[in-house]
Each structure stands twice: as structure tokens, then as C-alpha cells.
Amino acid sequence: MTLKDKIKTEFSFFRGNYLILIISWILMDFAGELPGTYYPDYVIQLGGSPSILGLITFASLLALASVQFPGGYLADKYGRRWLISTLTFGVALSFIFYAAAPSWHYILIGGVLQNICLLYQPALNAMMADSLPPEKRGIGFSILNLIMSVSTTPAPIVALLLVANFGSEWGMRIAYTIVVVFYLSAAIVRLKLKESMKTVEKLSLKDALHSYPRALKDGINVWKIVPRSMLFLFLSELMMRSSSAMIQTLFLVYAFYALQIGGAPTPGIPPQEDPALQLARIKWGYAMTALFLCMVISAIPAGKLIDKAGRKIPLIISQLLTFPAILLFIYGSYPTLFIAMPLVGFSMLLGFSSYQSLFADLVPQEHRGKVTGSMNFFTYIAMAIGGAMGGLLYDLFFPQLPFLLVMVLAIPSAALVLFFVHEPKPEQREA
């Protein structure tokens, strides 16, 4: 077999719905990371604080949790395509609130509306699992991470240029306007998706509106059907996701105000005008670029490792990498950010690819929507509580506390995977 034939065979799954989803994610991830680079800074400029960041996270994730059961139910009963292709337009338009926000309250409204539109999330996750053959899931999810990382790698640099040339506030407003345009483009691309379910019922609007009680019941009962290992995998993921929500918006805040990577902010000067914070923004842009470059370089090797060595070991490694990453971040300096942040990125990449592959191995196709919806419901509630707690702990106690709690929770999370999750053999994996 020639090299060309080997490459063609290796990447034969790169077509159909998988390819369309990849293209749409390239558009969405590049645009999403533009304002994402400086999002916490933008909220603070609009009158927010670490506690307000936690409040926005709390409300947004509660909204996201509320649509998970009906999202999973509708995805398995009426199909994946119509949910994904329709509601991506709603997500795109929600970013108008971010672009035009006169205060942080509008960010809160936009976040809630955006996450209600993510009713399609269980359908999206299920369609991705449907589109990959069992023996290619590790490499498939890792390539997804790779392409998203490649598309997002220029984002911090572009965000840096926008902030440097138009100011920290107007640079963000321009960035969110770009998000609206790119997300609408992705929504148009997703209109080309084809239904991945073999049999679906004809959509009934009345039934869809009254589906919540049934969806809730099915979302709970589905755990009686799936393997017990999936329950322990979910509990492990629940710990990691809720703890990561505590610090997700605090990395930038800690780097700017605790590590003071741009120097000490001057009291009385607005954040938009403080020279120390402007220097910190420039330095942060470089550090975030390093994070995405690490994810690009390591994506395919990580995927091959998952397919060859199994899912459990890489998943546990990703959880244990939390320790050096967090310690280097909170007790380091600006130079150590270039080690800590890539470690954070690699841990996220390895954990996501391993978890998604193991999920697809364990859960039959006809239950993936309901299981995803059920998991997401409880996960987003836990993340909402974690996000609120992180901001409060940062403001009321000491800045390092939420970061240290992440390391503490990584221990039982890894133990659950090690002792209670039984990975199926390749021939036993669900199609």
C-alpha cells in the first residue's frame, strides 16, 4: 500500500456530517476565541468583578442545564439535524447583546439566551459520535481538537491587535461583531447536515412543547440501561467540569491582578486606561497563543495514543496534569505562564478526546442523545454552582483558593476512573 493509500485509509471518516461539523466548528471556534481571550477583562470594564463573573456563569449554565433533558429527548426521537441546523442561528444572534452591551447586565442576558439556544447540544454530541467508526474515535475526536486548535490559534493574536489598535473596550465590541458574522456563516453551513438516525418520528410541535416531563423521566431511566461504568465515568467528569468552572474566568483576573504580569494596576484609573493592564493584555495574548499552539502540536499524537493504548490511561493522565499546571500558574510569574497554560491546554485536549471516545464506546447509538442530555443537565448545574463559588471564594477569601480546590477534586475524579470504569475491548465497543 502506498503512502497516499495509507493516508486515505487512515482518514476515510473525514467526510459527510463529520466534515460539515468540522467546517462549522472552524468558523465558530476562531470567532469565539476572539473575545474569549479577554472576556473577563471586558466584563470588569463594564462594571463587573470576580463575583459578577461567577454570577454570569451561574445564570448561563443554569439556562443551559434546563434545556438538556428536552434536547436529548428530541434528538433521539425526532433526529439530530433539525435541532442543530435551526438553533445555531439563535446562538449567533445572541452575541449581539455582547457586542452592544452598555453594562455587564447585557452580557448576562446574552449568555442566558445563547445557552437556551444550545438545546441542540445533545444532538450535536450524538451526531459526532454517530459519524465516527469505533476504531477511529480517538483520532477522530483528537483531529476535531486539532482543527479547532488550529482555527483558534490566530484568535489571541487577532484579539491582541484589536485591543491594541481600538482600545480594550471597542476592540472587544468589534470582536463580538465578528462572532455574529462567523456564527451565522456556520449556521448556513450546518444546513447541509444529513440526519444520522436510521429512523425518526415526524416532528410534532405540540409534542415537542410538552416533552419536558417525558424527557426528564427518560433522561433518568436511561441510566438503568447503559453500563455501570458509564455512570462512574460521568461522576468523574462531573467533578472535573464543576471544578474547572470555578477557575475558567479567573485565569485572566489572577494573572492581571495577583501575578500582575503587566505591573501593579494604579488605583483610581479606569481599567480601559491603566497602562499596567494594557501591558498585561498584550502579554496575556502571547500566553494564550502558546496554549493553542501546544494543543495543535499534540492533537494527533494524543489521538493515536488513545486509539492504541486505550481510553482510561490518557484520561487519568489528563486529570493528574492538573497539579503541575495549577501550581506553576498560581505560584509562578509571567515566564511560567508559557509552561502552565500549555499544560492546561494539553490536559483539556487529552481529557476531552479520551472522555468522548469512552462515552461513544459505552453508550449505544439510540441512547446517546438522552444520556448526553442527562449528563449535561447535572453537569451544568454543578458547573453553575462551581462558577458562582469560584468568584465568591476569590473575592471573600484569597485568590489561590479556587485553584487549589481544583487540584483536590482531581484526586477522587481520577480514582473513580481507575477503579470503577471498565473499558470495553475493541471488539466490544458500540458502533
Protein backbone atom coordinates (compact mmCIF):
# COMPACT_ATOMS: atom_id res chain seq x y z
CA MET A 1 0.00 0.00 0.00
CA THR A 2 1.37 3.40 -0.99
CA LEU A 3 1.67 6.34 1.43
CA LYS A 4 -1.23 8.04 -0.34
CA ASP A 5 -3.42 4.94 0.11
CA LYS A 6 -2.44 4.68 3.79
CA ILE A 7 -3.37 8.31 4.41
CA LYS A 8 -6.64 7.84 2.54
CA THR A 9 -7.48 4.76 4.61
CA GLU A 10 -6.43 6.38 7.90
CA PHE A 11 -8.64 9.42 7.33
CA SER A 12 -11.51 7.73 5.44
CA PHE A 13 -14.01 9.01 8.04
CA PHE A 14 -13.24 12.61 7.02
CA ARG A 15 -16.44 13.15 5.02
CA GLY A 16 -20.20 13.71 5.30
CA ASN A 17 -21.54 15.08 8.58
CA TYR A 18 -18.13 14.88 10.26
CA LEU A 19 -16.61 17.16 7.61
CA ILE A 20 -19.53 19.61 7.75
CA LEU A 21 -19.31 19.82 11.54
CA ILE A 22 -15.56 20.37 11.33
CA ILE A 23 -16.02 23.25 8.86
CA SER A 24 -18.67 24.88 11.04
CA TRP A 25 -16.52 24.46 14.16
CA ILE A 26 -13.56 26.10 12.43
CA LEU A 27 -15.68 29.19 11.80
CA MET A 28 -17.20 29.19 15.28
CA ASP A 29 -14.07 28.40 17.25
CA PHE A 30 -11.90 31.02 15.58
CA ALA A 31 -14.56 33.70 16.08
CA GLY A 32 -15.48 32.54 19.59
CA GLU A 33 -11.92 32.75 20.84
CA LEU A 34 -11.52 36.34 19.62
CA PRO A 35 -13.48 37.86 22.51
CA GLY A 36 -12.88 34.79 24.67
CA THR A 37 -9.25 35.83 25.08
CA TYR A 38 -10.24 38.96 27.03
CA TYR A 39 -13.82 38.18 28.10
CA PRO A 40 -13.27 38.52 31.89
CA ASP A 41 -11.45 41.83 31.33
CA TYR A 42 -14.40 43.09 29.22
CA VAL A 43 -16.92 42.23 31.97
CA ILE A 44 -14.81 44.05 34.56
CA GLN A 45 -14.64 47.10 32.30
CA LEU A 46 -18.46 47.04 32.11
CA GLY A 47 -18.68 47.26 35.90
CA GLY A 48 -18.23 43.61 36.82
CA SER A 49 -15.99 41.78 39.31
CA PRO A 50 -14.92 38.16 40.00
CA SER A 51 -18.23 37.65 41.83
CA ILE A 52 -20.17 39.09 38.87
CA LEU A 53 -18.25 36.78 36.53
CA GLY A 54 -19.39 33.93 38.77
CA LEU A 55 -22.99 35.18 38.67
CA ILE A 56 -22.99 35.30 34.85
CA THR A 57 -21.53 31.79 34.72
CA PHE A 58 -24.15 30.60 37.24
CA ALA A 59 -27.16 32.02 35.35
CA SER A 60 -25.86 30.98 31.91
CA LEU A 61 -25.17 27.41 32.94
CA LEU A 62 -28.50 27.04 34.73
CA ALA A 63 -30.17 28.06 31.46
CA LEU A 64 -28.01 25.52 29.63
CA ALA A 65 -28.89 22.80 32.16
CA SER A 66 -32.62 23.49 31.76
CA VAL A 67 -32.61 22.51 28.05
CA GLN A 68 -30.53 19.35 28.28
CA PHE A 69 -33.29 16.82 29.01
CA PRO A 70 -35.61 18.04 26.24
CA GLY A 71 -32.58 18.43 23.96
CA GLY A 72 -31.59 14.79 24.42
CA TYR A 73 -35.17 13.56 24.17
CA LEU A 74 -35.88 15.49 20.98
CA ALA A 75 -32.55 14.42 19.44
CA ASP A 76 -33.31 10.72 19.90
CA LYS A 77 -37.00 10.93 18.91
CA TYR A 78 -37.10 13.46 16.08
CA GLY A 79 -33.48 13.37 14.92
CA ARG A 80 -30.33 15.47 15.28
CA ARG A 81 -30.25 17.59 12.12
CA TRP A 82 -33.21 19.95 12.56
CA LEU A 83 -32.16 20.93 16.09
CA ILE A 84 -28.57 21.68 15.11
CA SER A 85 -29.27 23.50 11.84
CA THR A 86 -32.05 25.68 13.29
CA LEU A 87 -30.76 26.73 16.70
CA THR A 88 -27.22 27.60 15.58
CA PHE A 89 -28.84 30.76 14.12
CA GLY A 90 -30.18 31.62 17.59
CA VAL A 91 -26.75 31.22 19.17
CA ALA A 92 -25.28 33.55 16.52
CA LEU A 93 -27.81 36.32 17.16
CA SER A 94 -27.36 36.14 20.97
CA PHE A 95 -23.87 37.64 20.57
CA ILE A 96 -25.44 40.97 19.56
CA PHE A 97 -26.07 41.54 23.28
CA TYR A 98 -22.34 41.14 23.93
CA ALA A 99 -21.31 43.49 21.13
CA ALA A 100 -23.68 46.29 22.14
CA ALA A 101 -23.60 45.83 25.96
CA PRO A 102 -23.59 49.14 27.90
CA SER A 103 -23.13 47.21 31.17
CA TRP A 104 -22.43 43.69 32.37
CA HIS A 105 -26.19 43.03 32.72
CA TYR A 106 -26.49 42.69 28.93
CA ILE A 107 -23.72 40.07 28.95
CA LEU A 108 -25.87 38.16 31.44
CA ILE A 109 -28.94 38.38 29.15
CA GLY A 110 -26.94 37.34 26.09
CA GLY A 111 -25.39 34.41 27.93
CA VAL A 112 -28.79 33.10 29.10
CA LEU A 113 -30.35 33.40 25.61
CA GLN A 114 -27.32 31.78 23.98
CA ASN A 115 -27.44 28.78 26.30
CA ILE A 116 -31.19 28.28 25.84
CA CYS A 117 -30.49 28.01 22.10
CA LEU A 118 -27.93 25.31 22.93
CA LEU A 119 -30.92 22.99 23.24
CA TYR A 120 -29.20 21.40 20.23
CA GLN A 121 -26.08 20.42 22.19
CA PRO A 122 -27.08 16.79 22.95
CA ALA A 123 -27.98 16.37 19.27
CA LEU A 124 -24.60 17.78 18.23
CA ASN A 125 -22.64 15.48 20.55
CA ALA A 126 -24.72 12.49 19.47
CA MET A 127 -24.26 13.27 15.76
CA MET A 128 -20.49 13.49 16.19
CA ALA A 129 -20.45 10.10 17.92
CA ASP A 130 -22.74 8.70 15.18
CA SER A 131 -20.37 9.93 12.46
CA LEU A 132 -17.20 8.16 13.65
CA PRO A 133 -16.45 4.41 13.34
CA PRO A 134 -15.49 2.81 16.70
CA GLU A 135 -11.86 2.15 15.71
CA LYS A 136 -11.35 5.81 14.69
CA ARG A 137 -12.91 7.63 17.63
CA GLY A 138 -9.70 8.57 19.39
CA ILE A 139 -8.12 10.02 16.27
CA GLY A 140 -11.47 11.49 15.17
CA PHE A 141 -12.04 13.46 18.36
CA SER A 142 -8.38 14.47 18.52
CA ILE A 143 -8.48 15.78 14.94
CA LEU A 144 -11.57 17.72 15.95
CA ASN A 145 -9.50 19.24 18.77
CA LEU A 146 -6.57 19.78 16.41
CA ILE A 147 -8.62 21.62 13.82
CA MET A 148 -10.37 23.68 16.45
CA SER A 149 -6.98 24.48 17.99
CA VAL A 150 -5.53 25.43 14.60
CA SER A 151 -8.50 27.67 13.90
CA THR A 152 -8.28 29.29 17.32
CA THR A 153 -4.50 29.74 17.40
CA PRO A 154 -4.62 33.07 15.49
CA ALA A 155 -7.54 34.27 17.65
CA PRO A 156 -5.48 35.60 20.60
CA ILE A 157 -3.17 37.41 18.17
CA VAL A 158 -6.12 38.96 16.30
CA ALA A 159 -7.77 39.85 19.62
CA LEU A 160 -4.50 41.42 20.76
CA LEU A 161 -4.34 43.52 17.57
CA LEU A 162 -7.95 44.65 18.02
CA VAL A 163 -7.40 45.64 21.65
CA ALA A 164 -4.08 47.35 20.88
CA ASN A 165 -5.47 49.35 17.93
CA PHE A 166 -9.04 50.12 19.01
CA GLY A 167 -8.76 50.05 22.80
CA SER A 168 -9.73 47.31 25.22
CA GLU A 169 -13.49 48.03 25.13
CA TRP A 170 -14.06 48.86 21.44
CA GLY A 171 -11.69 46.09 20.39
CA MET A 172 -13.99 43.65 22.19
CA ARG A 173 -17.12 45.14 20.61
CA ILE A 174 -15.58 44.65 17.17
CA ALA A 175 -14.59 41.09 18.14
CA TYR A 176 -18.17 40.22 19.13
CA THR A 177 -19.47 41.67 15.87
CA ILE A 178 -17.11 39.34 14.03
CA VAL A 179 -18.52 36.48 16.13
CA VAL A 180 -22.07 37.23 14.94
CA VAL A 181 -20.98 37.16 11.27
CA PHE A 182 -18.93 33.94 11.57
CA TYR A 183 -21.59 32.12 13.61
CA LEU A 184 -24.25 32.99 11.04
CA SER A 185 -21.92 31.58 8.35
CA ALA A 186 -21.51 28.36 10.38
CA ALA A 187 -25.29 28.10 10.76
CA ILE A 188 -25.65 28.26 6.96
CA VAL A 189 -23.01 25.52 6.56
CA ARG A 190 -24.90 23.30 9.03
CA LEU A 191 -27.99 23.42 6.82
CA LYS A 192 -26.11 20.83 4.70
CA LEU A 193 -26.10 18.22 7.51
CA LYS A 194 -27.91 14.92 6.91
CA GLU A 195 -29.85 13.05 9.56
CA SER A 196 -27.68 10.38 11.25
CA MET A 197 -30.53 8.44 12.89
CA LYS A 198 -31.86 5.48 10.90
CA THR A 199 -35.46 6.04 11.96
CA VAL A 200 -37.00 9.25 13.35
CA GLU A 201 -40.56 10.33 14.03
CA LYS A 202 -42.19 13.25 12.25
CA LEU A 203 -41.81 16.42 14.30
CA SER A 204 -44.90 17.39 16.25
CA LEU A 205 -44.68 20.91 17.69
CA LYS A 206 -47.32 20.15 20.33
CA ASP A 207 -45.48 17.01 21.44
CA ALA A 208 -42.15 18.86 21.45
CA LEU A 209 -43.56 21.59 23.71
CA HIS A 210 -44.97 19.02 26.13
CA SER A 211 -41.92 16.76 26.06
CA TYR A 212 -40.20 18.00 29.22
CA PRO A 213 -41.79 15.61 31.78
CA ARG A 214 -41.25 12.64 29.45
CA ALA A 215 -37.72 13.82 28.64
CA LEU A 216 -36.91 14.15 32.34
CA LYS A 217 -38.22 10.65 33.05
CA ASP A 218 -36.35 9.12 30.09
CA GLY A 219 -33.18 11.00 30.99
CA ILE A 220 -33.21 9.45 34.47
CA ASN A 221 -34.32 5.96 33.41
CA VAL A 222 -31.68 5.68 30.70
CA TRP A 223 -29.07 5.12 33.43
CA LYS A 224 -30.72 1.76 34.13
CA ILE A 225 -29.89 0.69 30.58
CA VAL A 226 -26.34 1.90 29.98
CA PRO A 227 -23.31 0.10 31.51
CA ARG A 228 -22.48 0.92 35.13
CA SER A 229 -19.04 2.10 34.01
CA MET A 230 -20.72 5.00 32.21
CA LEU A 231 -22.22 6.20 35.50
CA PHE A 232 -18.81 6.27 37.20
CA LEU A 233 -17.26 7.95 34.15
CA PHE A 234 -19.97 10.60 34.40
CA LEU A 235 -19.35 11.17 38.13
CA SER A 236 -15.65 11.61 37.42
CA GLU A 237 -16.37 14.09 34.63
CA LEU A 238 -18.85 15.90 36.89
CA MET A 239 -16.10 16.63 39.41
CA MET A 240 -13.64 17.85 36.80
CA ARG A 241 -16.13 20.04 34.94
CA SER A 242 -17.55 21.67 38.08
CA SER A 243 -14.07 22.40 39.43
CA SER A 244 -12.84 23.79 36.11
CA ALA A 245 -15.87 26.13 36.06
CA MET A 246 -14.59 27.64 39.33
CA ILE A 247 -11.46 28.96 37.65
CA GLN A 248 -12.32 29.25 33.94
CA THR A 249 -12.91 33.01 34.05
CA LEU A 250 -10.38 33.61 36.82
CA PHE A 251 -7.16 32.78 34.95
CA LEU A 252 -7.01 36.22 33.36
CA VAL A 253 -8.14 38.00 36.54
CA TYR A 254 -5.46 36.24 38.59
CA ALA A 255 -2.74 36.93 36.00
CA PHE A 256 -3.66 40.63 35.81
CA TYR A 257 -4.30 41.43 39.47
CA ALA A 258 -2.47 38.77 41.54
CA LEU A 259 0.54 37.89 39.39
CA GLN A 260 0.45 41.46 37.98
CA ILE A 261 2.09 40.37 34.73
CA GLY A 262 1.87 43.96 33.45
CA GLY A 263 2.80 45.61 36.71
CA ALA A 264 0.63 46.86 39.59
CA PRO A 265 -2.64 48.49 38.44
CA THR A 266 -2.96 52.13 39.50
CA PRO A 267 -5.86 52.82 41.92
CA GLY A 268 -8.40 55.27 40.56
CA ILE A 269 -7.56 54.77 36.89
CA PRO A 270 -10.30 53.01 34.84
CA PRO A 271 -9.27 49.52 33.61
CA GLN A 272 -9.58 50.74 29.99
CA GLU A 273 -6.89 53.38 30.56
CA ASP A 274 -4.49 51.74 33.03
CA PRO A 275 -1.05 51.30 31.36
CA ALA A 276 -0.23 48.27 33.55
CA LEU A 277 -3.41 46.48 32.48
CA GLN A 278 -2.83 47.37 28.84
CA LEU A 279 0.63 45.76 29.04
CA ALA A 280 -0.94 42.75 30.80
CA ARG A 281 -3.40 42.37 27.92
CA ILE A 282 -0.54 42.23 25.42
CA LYS A 283 1.36 39.66 27.47
CA TRP A 284 -1.78 37.57 28.02
CA GLY A 285 -2.37 37.40 24.28
CA TYR A 286 1.05 35.81 23.81
CA ALA A 287 0.45 33.29 26.62
CA MET A 288 -2.90 32.22 25.15
CA THR A 289 -1.28 31.76 21.75
CA ALA A 290 1.20 29.36 23.37
CA LEU A 291 -1.71 27.38 24.85
CA PHE A 292 -3.36 26.84 21.46
CA LEU A 293 -0.07 26.02 19.74
CA CYS A 294 0.51 23.25 22.28
CA MET A 295 -2.93 21.81 21.50
CA VAL A 296 -2.19 21.90 17.77
CA ILE A 297 1.13 20.08 18.11
CA SER A 298 -0.14 17.40 20.49
CA ALA A 299 -3.59 16.65 19.00
CA ILE A 300 -2.76 13.83 16.56
CA PRO A 301 -0.19 12.09 18.85
CA ALA A 302 -2.75 12.21 21.67
CA GLY A 303 -5.43 10.70 19.42
CA LYS A 304 -3.15 7.88 18.29
CA LEU A 305 -2.27 7.19 21.93
CA ILE A 306 -5.97 6.93 22.83
CA ASP A 307 -6.71 4.51 19.98
CA LYS A 308 -3.63 2.35 20.65
CA ALA A 309 -3.24 2.39 24.46
CA GLY A 310 -6.91 2.70 25.37
CA ARG A 311 -9.04 5.49 26.81
CA LYS A 312 -8.59 5.15 30.58
CA ILE A 313 -4.87 5.82 30.98
CA PRO A 314 -4.86 9.05 28.92
CA LEU A 315 -7.96 10.22 30.81
CA ILE A 316 -6.27 9.68 34.18
CA ILE A 317 -3.08 11.37 32.95
CA SER A 318 -5.12 14.41 31.89
CA GLN A 319 -6.54 14.70 35.42
CA LEU A 320 -3.14 14.35 37.10
CA LEU A 321 -1.64 17.04 34.86
CA THR A 322 -3.87 19.45 36.77
CA PHE A 323 -1.35 19.51 39.64
CA PRO A 324 1.75 20.88 37.88
CA ALA A 325 -0.35 23.17 35.67
CA ILE A 326 -2.15 24.85 38.59
CA LEU A 327 0.92 25.09 40.83
CA LEU A 328 3.02 26.64 38.07
CA PHE A 329 0.25 29.13 37.37
CA ILE A 330 -0.63 30.38 40.86
CA TYR A 331 2.91 30.38 42.30
CA GLY A 332 4.74 31.36 39.14
CA SER A 333 5.34 34.51 37.15
CA TYR A 334 4.87 35.67 33.58
CA PRO A 335 7.54 33.30 32.12
CA THR A 336 5.99 30.26 33.86
CA LEU A 337 2.67 31.02 32.14
CA PHE A 338 4.28 29.65 28.97
CA ILE A 339 4.59 26.28 30.73
CA ALA A 340 1.41 26.35 32.82
CA MET A 341 -1.05 27.40 30.11
CA PRO A 342 0.15 24.83 27.51
CA LEU A 343 -0.13 22.18 30.25
CA VAL A 344 -3.70 23.31 30.86
CA GLY A 345 -4.39 23.09 27.11
CA PHE A 346 -2.86 19.62 26.75
CA SER A 347 -4.77 18.36 29.77
CA MET A 348 -8.02 19.65 28.26
CA LEU A 349 -7.24 18.08 24.88
CA LEU A 350 -6.31 14.67 26.29
CA GLY A 351 -9.23 14.62 28.71
CA PHE A 352 -11.83 15.67 26.13
CA SER A 353 -10.71 13.18 23.48
CA SER A 354 -10.43 10.29 25.96
CA TYR A 355 -13.77 11.01 27.59
CA GLN A 356 -15.68 11.40 24.31
CA SER A 357 -14.14 8.21 22.90
CA LEU A 358 -15.01 6.22 26.02
CA PHE A 359 -18.53 7.66 26.05
CA ALA A 360 -19.08 6.55 22.43
CA ASP A 361 -17.67 3.08 23.26
CA LEU A 362 -20.02 2.56 26.19
CA VAL A 363 -23.34 4.10 25.08
CA PRO A 364 -25.46 2.60 22.24
CA GLN A 365 -26.40 4.99 19.44
CA GLU A 366 -30.11 5.02 20.23
CA HIS A 367 -29.45 6.29 23.78
CA ARG A 368 -26.65 8.79 23.15
CA GLY A 369 -28.94 11.80 22.93
CA LYS A 370 -30.74 11.00 26.19
CA VAL A 371 -27.53 10.12 28.04
CA THR A 372 -25.84 13.29 26.81
CA GLY A 373 -28.84 15.39 27.81
CA SER A 374 -28.98 13.77 31.26
CA MET A 375 -25.24 14.17 31.85
CA ASN A 376 -25.25 17.74 30.61
CA PHE A 377 -28.20 18.66 32.87
CA PHE A 378 -26.43 17.64 36.05
CA THR A 379 -23.01 18.74 34.82
CA TYR A 380 -24.17 22.26 34.01
CA ILE A 381 -25.90 22.63 37.36
CA ALA A 382 -22.66 21.57 39.07
CA MET A 383 -20.68 23.94 36.82
CA ALA A 384 -23.11 26.77 37.61
CA ILE A 385 -22.56 26.25 41.32
CA GLY A 386 -18.80 25.92 40.74
CA GLY A 387 -18.66 29.13 38.71
CA ALA A 388 -20.53 31.09 41.39
CA MET A 389 -18.38 29.59 44.16
CA GLY A 390 -15.14 30.37 42.33
CA GLY A 391 -15.89 34.09 42.11
CA LEU A 392 -17.05 34.28 45.72
CA LEU A 393 -14.06 32.34 47.05
CA TYR A 394 -11.73 34.60 45.06
CA ASP A 395 -13.32 37.79 46.44
CA LEU A 396 -14.12 36.71 50.01
CA PHE A 397 -11.11 34.57 50.96
CA PHE A 398 -7.89 34.52 48.93
CA PRO A 399 -7.30 34.31 45.15
CA GLN A 400 -5.47 30.96 45.20
CA LEU A 401 -8.31 29.07 46.95
CA PRO A 402 -10.48 28.14 43.91
CA PHE A 403 -7.39 26.97 42.02
CA LEU A 404 -6.28 24.77 44.91
CA LEU A 405 -9.74 23.19 45.15
CA VAL A 406 -9.41 22.07 41.52
CA MET A 407 -6.35 20.00 42.46
CA VAL A 408 -8.15 18.49 45.47
CA LEU A 409 -11.11 17.34 43.32
CA ALA A 410 -8.81 15.82 40.68
CA ILE A 411 -7.84 13.05 43.13
CA PRO A 412 -11.28 11.38 43.60
CA SER A 413 -12.06 12.02 39.93
CA ALA A 414 -9.01 10.04 38.79
CA ALA A 415 -9.71 7.33 41.39
CA LEU A 416 -13.23 6.75 40.03
CA VAL A 417 -11.87 6.18 36.53
CA LEU A 418 -9.04 3.95 37.74
CA PHE A 419 -11.10 1.62 39.96
CA PHE A 420 -14.69 1.71 38.68
CA VAL A 421 -14.63 2.40 34.94
CA HIS A 422 -14.13 -0.77 32.90
CA GLU A 423 -13.06 -0.03 29.36
CA PRO A 424 -14.58 -2.33 26.72
CA LYS A 425 -12.24 -4.25 24.45
CA PRO A 426 -12.03 -3.01 20.84
CA GLU A 427 -14.38 -5.73 19.59
CA GLN A 428 -16.94 -4.84 22.31
CA ARG A 429 -17.18 -1.13 21.51
CA GLU A 430 -20.58 0.20 20.50
CA ALA A 431 -20.91 1.30 16.85
